[in-house]
Amino acid sequence: MSTQKALYLSQAKGQFVIRERDIEEPGHGEVLVEIHAAALNPGEWKIQAFGILITEYPAILGADAAGIVKKVGAEVTDISVGDKVLFQGDFTKNRHATFQQYTVAFAELVARVPQNLTLDQASSVPAAAATAALGFYNRKEAGGIALTAPWEEGGRGKYADEPILIIGGSSAVGQQAIQFAKLSGFSLIITTGSLHNEAYLKSLGVTHVIDRTAPLS
């Protein structure tokens, strides 16, 4: 079995250290990804600083990444070896964490990288997109607003002629929310933001930008 380098958190509130570990084999419904870029989310530094969420050490952190598929497991049909992909890992299990050179990802959480994104850029997409999607499309008792998702029957364009307000459109989650709102068909997509980002926000689908520095009066 080949080995790789991984960034371990040695203990709760401890230091990060680089160690060798085996490259694992993908199982049923999994793919092995060579990681080219891993994003840093707030959860990672909070885990180190406060000793939360992780119960077994040494631990490999990291949840968002992008890279190239090297192997596919049984019954994986939509992803192929050589595909450039982005995906969500799992920092509670070293097998699926992303602060290492190779990781095993669930194929259902993997997507091909669009041609207009670099792997660095693509690695920042998963958590922000998932957060926006859960807010829009998850059931209300779980904190969502229970819209019909655009990937469900009748969901694409369902909310035509309706307005939506997205606070903080230029944030990571805000940018994803704007694009989901566009897929859902909202005809008026209003957001708050800095006016120097107005052209970019409109390129994502915003129709109106409210200057976040404008006085309340």
C-alpha atoms as a PDB file:
ATOM      1  CA  MET A   1       0.000   0.000   0.000  1.00  0.00           C
ATOM      2  CA  SER A   2       1.339   3.445  -0.930  1.00  0.00           C
ATOM      3  CA  THR A   3       1.739   6.221   1.609  1.00  0.00           C
ATOM      4  CA  GLN A   4       1.016   9.935   1.621  1.00  0.00           C
ATOM      5  CA  LYS A   5       1.516  13.010   3.785  1.00  0.00           C
ATOM      6  CA  ALA A   6      -1.290  14.211   6.049  1.00  0.00           C
ATOM      7  CA  LEU A   7      -1.699  17.162   8.404  1.00  0.00           C
ATOM      8  CA  TYR A   8      -2.657  15.824  11.827  1.00  0.00           C
ATOM      9  CA  LEU A   9      -3.987  17.678  14.846  1.00  0.00           C
ATOM     10  CA  SER A  10      -1.991  15.868  17.527  1.00  0.00           C
ATOM     11  CA  GLN A  11      -4.430  16.308  20.424  1.00  0.00           C
ATOM     12  CA  ALA A  12      -7.273  18.508  21.619  1.00  0.00           C
ATOM     13  CA  LYS A  13      -6.083  22.141  21.467  1.00  0.00           C
ATOM     14  CA  GLY A  14      -2.760  20.785  20.218  1.00  0.00           C
ATOM     15  CA  GLN A  15      -0.442  21.571  17.327  1.00  0.00           C
ATOM     16  CA  PHE A  16      -0.646  20.489  13.701  1.00  0.00           C
ATOM     17  CA  VAL A  17       2.056  18.059  12.553  1.00  0.00           C
ATOM     18  CA  ILE A  18       2.771  16.411   9.192  1.00  0.00           C
ATOM     19  CA  ARG A  19       2.928  12.615   9.240  1.00  0.00           C
ATOM     20  CA  GLU A  20       2.897   9.748   6.785  1.00  0.00           C
ATOM     21  CA  ARG A  21      -0.189   7.552   6.473  1.00  0.00           C
ATOM     22  CA  ASP A  22      -1.454   4.900   4.088  1.00  0.00           C
ATOM     23  CA  ILE A  23      -3.495   5.855   1.039  1.00  0.00           C
ATOM     24  CA  GLU A  24      -6.822   4.114   1.546  1.00  0.00           C
ATOM     25  CA  GLU A  25      -8.825   2.217  -1.047  1.00  0.00           C
ATOM     26  CA  PRO A  26     -12.308   3.416  -2.059  1.00  0.00           C
ATOM     27  CA  GLY A  27     -15.155   1.154  -1.035  1.00  0.00           C
ATOM     28  CA  HIS A  28     -18.689   0.730  -2.307  1.00  0.00           C
ATOM     29  CA  GLY A  29     -20.006   4.074  -3.588  1.00  0.00           C
ATOM     30  CA  GLU A  30     -16.720   5.868  -2.912  1.00  0.00           C
ATOM     31  CA  VAL A  31     -13.922   7.444  -4.955  1.00  0.00           C
ATOM     32  CA  LEU A  32     -10.265   8.107  -4.197  1.00  0.00           C
ATOM     33  CA  VAL A  33      -9.321  11.725  -4.903  1.00  0.00           C
ATOM     34  CA  GLU A  34      -5.848  13.218  -5.214  1.00  0.00           C
ATOM     35  CA  ILE A  35      -6.322  16.558  -3.473  1.00  0.00           C
ATOM     36  CA  HIS A  36      -4.976  19.620  -5.280  1.00  0.00           C
ATOM     37  CA  ALA A  37      -6.654  22.269  -3.100  1.00  0.00           C
ATOM     38  CA  ALA A  38      -8.337  22.168   0.310  1.00  0.00           C
ATOM     39  CA  ALA A  39     -10.384  25.056   1.679  1.00  0.00           C
ATOM     40  CA  LEU A  40     -10.142  26.317   5.259  1.00  0.00           C
ATOM     41  CA  ASN A  41     -13.483  26.747   6.998  1.00  0.00           C
ATOM     42  CA  PRO A  42     -14.219  28.354  10.393  1.00  0.00           C
ATOM     43  CA  GLY A  43     -14.797  24.922  11.878  1.00  0.00           C
ATOM     44  CA  GLU A  44     -11.179  23.863  11.465  1.00  0.00           C
ATOM     45  CA  TRP A  45      -9.579  26.623  13.519  1.00  0.00           C
ATOM     46  CA  LYS A  46     -12.343  26.419  16.131  1.00  0.00           C
ATOM     47  CA  ILE A  47     -11.703  22.695  16.542  1.00  0.00           C
ATOM     48  CA  GLN A  48      -8.036  23.380  17.226  1.00  0.00           C
ATOM     49  CA  ALA A  49      -8.661  26.394  19.471  1.00  0.00           C
ATOM     50  CA  PHE A  50     -11.512  25.010  21.567  1.00  0.00           C
ATOM     51  CA  GLY A  51     -11.128  21.233  21.336  1.00  0.00           C
ATOM     52  CA  ILE A  52     -14.663  20.698  20.014  1.00  0.00           C
ATOM     53  CA  LEU A  53     -16.326  18.078  17.756  1.00  0.00           C
ATOM     54  CA  ILE A  54     -13.375  15.672  17.527  1.00  0.00           C
ATOM     55  CA  THR A  55     -13.247  12.750  19.976  1.00  0.00           C
ATOM     56  CA  GLU A  56     -10.354  10.673  18.607  1.00  0.00           C
ATOM     57  CA  TYR A  57      -6.802  11.953  18.130  1.00  0.00           C
ATOM     58  CA  PRO A  58      -4.543  12.342  16.256  1.00  0.00           C
ATOM     59  CA  ALA A  59      -7.114  13.724  13.825  1.00  0.00           C
ATOM     60  CA  ILE A  60      -7.028  14.944  10.244  1.00  0.00           C
ATOM     61  CA  LEU A  61      -9.293  17.934   9.655  1.00  0.00           C
ATOM     62  CA  GLY A  62     -10.667  19.482   6.466  1.00  0.00           C
ATOM     63  CA  ALA A  63     -14.030  19.127   4.764  1.00  0.00           C
ATOM     64  CA  ASP A  64     -13.915  21.019   1.443  1.00  0.00           C
ATOM     65  CA  ALA A  65     -11.537  20.157  -1.376  1.00  0.00           C
ATOM     66  CA  ALA A  66     -10.991  19.735  -5.095  1.00  0.00           C
ATOM     67  CA  GLY A  67      -8.769  17.393  -7.025  1.00  0.00           C
ATOM     68  CA  ILE A  68      -8.546  14.541  -9.519  1.00  0.00           C
ATOM     69  CA  VAL A  69     -10.225  11.147  -9.197  1.00  0.00           C
ATOM     70  CA  LYS A  70      -7.666   8.331  -9.095  1.00  0.00           C
ATOM     71  CA  LYS A  71      -9.862   5.311  -8.349  1.00  0.00           C
ATOM     72  CA  VAL A  72     -13.578   4.549  -8.194  1.00  0.00           C
ATOM     73  CA  GLY A  73     -15.284   1.990  -5.991  1.00  0.00           C
ATOM     74  CA  ALA A  74     -18.006  -0.499  -6.803  1.00  0.00           C
ATOM     75  CA  GLU A  75     -21.226   0.801  -8.372  1.00  0.00           C
ATOM     76  CA  VAL A  76     -19.866   4.303  -8.997  1.00  0.00           C
ATOM     77  CA  THR A  77     -21.189   5.180 -12.451  1.00  0.00           C
ATOM     78  CA  ASP A  78     -21.358   8.984 -12.659  1.00  0.00           C
ATOM     79  CA  ILE A  79     -17.717   9.759 -11.814  1.00  0.00           C
ATOM     80  CA  SER A  80     -14.677   8.452 -13.697  1.00  0.00           C
ATOM     81  CA  VAL A  81     -10.938   8.202 -13.127  1.00  0.00           C
ATOM     82  CA  GLY A  82      -9.322  11.446 -14.298  1.00  0.00           C
ATOM     83  CA  ASP A  83     -12.328  13.678 -13.565  1.00  0.00           C
ATOM     84  CA  LYS A  84     -11.589  17.017 -11.915  1.00  0.00           C
ATOM     85  CA  VAL A  85     -13.972  17.196  -8.977  1.00  0.00           C
ATOM     86  CA  LEU A  86     -15.033  19.216  -5.964  1.00  0.00           C
ATOM     87  CA  PHE A  87     -16.517  17.536  -2.914  1.00  0.00           C
ATOM     88  CA  GLN A  88     -17.319  17.606   0.767  1.00  0.00           C
ATOM     89  CA  GLY A  89     -15.272  15.411   3.042  1.00  0.00           C
ATOM     90  CA  ASP A  90     -15.762  14.666   6.730  1.00  0.00           C
ATOM     91  CA  PHE A  91     -13.346  15.993   9.356  1.00  0.00           C
ATOM     92  CA  THR A  92     -14.702  13.609  11.994  1.00  0.00           C
ATOM     93  CA  LYS A  93     -13.197  10.620  10.158  1.00  0.00           C
ATOM     94  CA  ASN A  94      -9.566  10.566   8.997  1.00  0.00           C
ATOM     95  CA  ARG A  95     -10.525   8.400   6.012  1.00  0.00           C
ATOM     96  CA  HIS A  96     -12.722  11.182   4.621  1.00  0.00           C
ATOM     97  CA  ALA A  97     -10.889  14.319   5.824  1.00  0.00           C
ATOM     98  CA  THR A  98      -9.212  16.630   3.314  1.00  0.00           C
ATOM     99  CA  PHE A  99      -6.005  17.927   4.932  1.00  0.00           C
ATOM    100  CA  GLN A 100      -4.048  15.134   3.257  1.00  0.00           C
ATOM    101  CA  GLN A 101      -2.749  14.358  -0.221  1.00  0.00           C
ATOM    102  CA  TYR A 102      -5.383  11.707  -0.978  1.00  0.00           C
ATOM    103  CA  THR A 103      -8.787  11.059   0.549  1.00  0.00           C
ATOM    104  CA  VAL A 104     -11.762   8.788   0.066  1.00  0.00           C
ATOM    105  CA  ALA A 105     -14.981  10.663  -0.755  1.00  0.00           C
ATOM    106  CA  PHE A 106     -18.570   9.505  -1.092  1.00  0.00           C
ATOM    107  CA  ALA A 107     -19.425   9.631  -4.793  1.00  0.00           C
ATOM    108  CA  GLU A 108     -22.825  11.156  -4.040  1.00  0.00           C
ATOM    109  CA  LEU A 109     -21.032  14.198  -2.551  1.00  0.00           C
ATOM    110  CA  VAL A 110     -18.729  14.662  -5.554  1.00  0.00           C
ATOM    111  CA  ALA A 111     -19.317  16.957  -8.549  1.00  0.00           C
ATOM    112  CA  ARG A 112     -17.251  17.709 -11.632  1.00  0.00           C
ATOM    113  CA  VAL A 113     -15.501  21.077 -11.634  1.00  0.00           C
ATOM    114  CA  PRO A 114     -16.905  23.505 -14.241  1.00  0.00           C
ATOM    115  CA  GLN A 115     -14.433  24.687 -16.859  1.00  0.00           C
ATOM    116  CA  ASN A 116     -14.620  28.277 -15.607  1.00  0.00           C
ATOM    117  CA  LEU A 117     -13.247  27.378 -12.154  1.00  0.00           C
ATOM    118  CA  THR A 118      -9.714  26.481 -11.122  1.00  0.00           C
ATOM    119  CA  LEU A 119      -9.267  23.706  -8.588  1.00  0.00           C
ATOM    120  CA  ASP A 120      -8.323  26.334  -5.986  1.00  0.00           C
ATOM    121  CA  GLN A 121     -11.590  28.160  -6.621  1.00  0.00           C
ATOM    122  CA  ALA A 122     -13.625  24.964  -6.741  1.00  0.00           C
ATOM    123  CA  SER A 123     -12.406  23.861  -3.316  1.00  0.00           C
ATOM    124  CA  SER A 124     -14.207  26.827  -1.735  1.00  0.00           C
ATOM    125  CA  VAL A 125     -17.618  25.906  -3.162  1.00  0.00           C
ATOM    126  CA  PRO A 126     -18.987  22.890  -1.213  1.00  0.00           C
ATOM    127  CA  ALA A 127     -19.669  24.272   2.293  1.00  0.00           C
ATOM    128  CA  ALA A 128     -20.995  27.595   1.021  1.00  0.00           C
ATOM    129  CA  ALA A 129     -23.238  25.911  -1.549  1.00  0.00           C
ATOM    130  CA  ALA A 130     -24.509  23.367   0.973  1.00  0.00           C
ATOM    131  CA  THR A 131     -25.269  26.098   3.513  1.00  0.00           C
ATOM    132  CA  ALA A 132     -27.244  28.123   0.973  1.00  0.00           C
ATOM    133  CA  ALA A 133     -29.090  25.059  -0.323  1.00  0.00           C
ATOM    134  CA  LEU A 134     -30.058  23.896   3.161  1.00  0.00           C
ATOM    135  CA  GLY A 135     -31.351  27.355   4.016  1.00  0.00           C
ATOM    136  CA  PHE A 136     -33.548  27.474   0.924  1.00  0.00           C
ATOM    137  CA  TYR A 137     -34.641  23.898   0.437  1.00  0.00           C
ATOM    138  CA  ASN A 138     -34.468  22.079   3.756  1.00  0.00           C
ATOM    139  CA  ARG A 139     -37.656  21.469   5.729  1.00  0.00           C
ATOM    140  CA  LYS A 140     -38.728  24.227   8.111  1.00  0.00           C
ATOM    141  CA  GLU A 141     -38.327  22.177  11.280  1.00  0.00           C
ATOM    142  CA  ALA A 142     -34.647  21.745  10.348  1.00  0.00           C
ATOM    143  CA  GLY A 143     -34.094  25.474   9.806  1.00  0.00           C
ATOM    144  CA  GLY A 144     -34.835  25.804   6.091  1.00  0.00           C
ATOM    145  CA  ILE A 145     -37.666  27.628   4.362  1.00  0.00           C
ATOM    146  CA  ALA A 146     -38.779  24.525   2.438  1.00  0.00           C
ATOM    147  CA  LEU A 147     -38.708  25.856  -1.119  1.00  0.00           C
ATOM    148  CA  THR A 148     -38.960  23.281  -3.885  1.00  0.00           C
ATOM    149  CA  ALA A 149     -35.395  22.684  -5.046  1.00  0.00           C
ATOM    150  CA  PRO A 150     -34.540  23.298  -8.718  1.00  0.00           C
ATOM    151  CA  TRP A 151     -33.306  19.714  -9.065  1.00  0.00           C
ATOM    152  CA  GLU A 152     -36.716  18.393  -8.039  1.00  0.00           C
ATOM    153  CA  GLU A 153     -39.657  18.025 -10.408  1.00  0.00           C
ATOM    154  CA  GLY A 154     -41.292  21.401 -10.967  1.00  0.00           C
ATOM    155  CA  GLY A 155     -38.668  23.260  -8.965  1.00  0.00           C
ATOM    156  CA  ARG A 156     -36.714  24.895 -11.788  1.00  0.00           C
ATOM    157  CA  GLY A 157     -38.155  28.381 -12.239  1.00  0.00           C
ATOM    158  CA  LYS A 158     -41.039  27.705  -9.840  1.00  0.00           C
ATOM    159  CA  TYR A 159     -40.840  31.079  -8.095  1.00  0.00           C
ATOM    160  CA  ALA A 160     -41.089  33.327 -11.155  1.00  0.00           C
ATOM    161  CA  ASP A 161     -42.672  36.729 -10.460  1.00  0.00           C
ATOM    162  CA  GLU A 162     -41.682  36.497  -6.774  1.00  0.00           C
ATOM    163  CA  PRO A 163     -39.028  38.647  -5.052  1.00  0.00           C
ATOM    164  CA  ILE A 164     -36.339  37.475  -2.653  1.00  0.00           C
ATOM    165  CA  LEU A 165     -33.956  39.390  -0.376  1.00  0.00           C
ATOM    166  CA  ILE A 166     -30.515  37.922   0.301  1.00  0.00           C
ATOM    167  CA  ILE A 167     -28.451  39.652   2.981  1.00  0.00           C
ATOM    168  CA  GLY A 168     -24.716  39.830   2.253  1.00  0.00           C
ATOM    169  CA  GLY A 169     -24.707  38.788  -1.372  1.00  0.00           C
ATOM    170  CA  SER A 170     -20.944  39.084  -1.842  1.00  0.00           C
ATOM    171  CA  SER A 171     -20.168  36.652   0.995  1.00  0.00           C
ATOM    172  CA  ALA A 172     -19.305  33.047   0.174  1.00  0.00           C
ATOM    173  CA  VAL A 173     -22.767  31.789   1.129  1.00  0.00           C
ATOM    174  CA  GLY A 174     -24.481  34.835  -0.369  1.00  0.00           C
ATOM    175  CA  GLN A 175     -22.959  34.236  -3.804  1.00  0.00           C
ATOM    176  CA  GLN A 176     -24.244  30.660  -3.797  1.00  0.00           C
ATOM    177  CA  ALA A 177     -27.671  31.763  -2.533  1.00  0.00           C
ATOM    178  CA  ILE A 178     -27.997  34.229  -5.415  1.00  0.00           C
ATOM    179  CA  GLN A 179     -27.352  31.492  -7.953  1.00  0.00           C
ATOM    180  CA  PHE A 180     -29.824  29.120  -6.298  1.00  0.00           C
ATOM    181  CA  ALA A 181     -32.407  31.925  -6.276  1.00  0.00           C
ATOM    182  CA  LYS A 182     -31.853  32.387 -10.003  1.00  0.00           C
ATOM    183  CA  LEU A 183     -32.304  28.660 -10.643  1.00  0.00           C
ATOM    184  CA  SER A 184     -35.492  28.763  -8.580  1.00  0.00           C
ATOM    185  CA  GLY A 185     -36.813  31.479 -10.873  1.00  0.00           C
ATOM    186  CA  PHE A 186     -37.102  34.505  -8.565  1.00  0.00           C
ATOM    187  CA  SER A 187     -37.563  37.492 -10.860  1.00  0.00           C
ATOM    188  CA  LEU A 188     -36.445  40.095  -8.316  1.00  0.00           C
ATOM    189  CA  ILE A 189     -33.257  39.092  -6.520  1.00  0.00           C
ATOM    190  CA  ILE A 190     -32.318  41.851  -4.102  1.00  0.00           C
ATOM    191  CA  THR A 191     -29.174  41.847  -1.991  1.00  0.00           C
ATOM    192  CA  THR A 192     -27.136  44.056   0.307  1.00  0.00           C
ATOM    193  CA  GLY A 193     -23.495  44.670  -0.480  1.00  0.00           C
ATOM    194  CA  SER A 194     -20.789  47.162  -1.318  1.00  0.00           C
ATOM    195  CA  LEU A 195     -21.461  49.083  -4.499  1.00  0.00           C
ATOM    196  CA  HIS A 196     -18.011  48.255  -5.858  1.00  0.00           C
ATOM    197  CA  ASN A 197     -19.284  44.650  -6.086  1.00  0.00           C
ATOM    198  CA  GLU A 198     -22.490  45.627  -7.895  1.00  0.00           C
ATOM    199  CA  ALA A 199     -21.417  44.540 -11.377  1.00  0.00           C
ATOM    200  CA  TYR A 200     -20.193  41.186 -10.096  1.00  0.00           C
ATOM    201  CA  LEU A 201     -23.347  40.566  -8.073  1.00  0.00           C
ATOM    202  CA  LYS A 202     -25.507  41.344 -11.093  1.00  0.00           C
ATOM    203  CA  SER A 203     -23.458  38.899 -13.159  1.00  0.00           C
ATOM    204  CA  LEU A 204     -24.549  36.200 -10.688  1.00  0.00           C
ATOM    205  CA  GLY A 205     -28.227  37.072 -11.108  1.00  0.00           C
ATOM    206  CA  VAL A 206     -28.948  39.955  -8.718  1.00  0.00           C
ATOM    207  CA  THR A 207     -31.389  42.551 -10.028  1.00  0.00           C
ATOM    208  CA  HIS A 208     -30.992  45.176  -7.283  1.00  0.00           C
ATOM    209  CA  VAL A 209     -28.109  45.955  -4.914  1.00  0.00           C
ATOM    210  CA  ILE A 210     -28.741  47.911  -1.717  1.00  0.00           C
ATOM    211  CA  ASP A 211     -25.647  49.761  -0.499  1.00  0.00           C
ATOM    212  CA  ARG A 212     -24.840  48.183   2.850  1.00  0.00           C
ATOM    213  CA  THR A 213     -23.188  51.427   4.013  1.00  0.00           C
ATOM    214  CA  ALA A 214     -26.234  53.599   3.278  1.00  0.00           C
ATOM    215  CA  PRO A 215     -27.708  55.359   6.347  1.00  0.00           C
ATOM    216  CA  LEU A 216     -31.037  54.055   7.631  1.00  0.00           C
ATOM    217  CA  SER A 217     -32.680  57.413   7.015  1.00  0.00           C
END
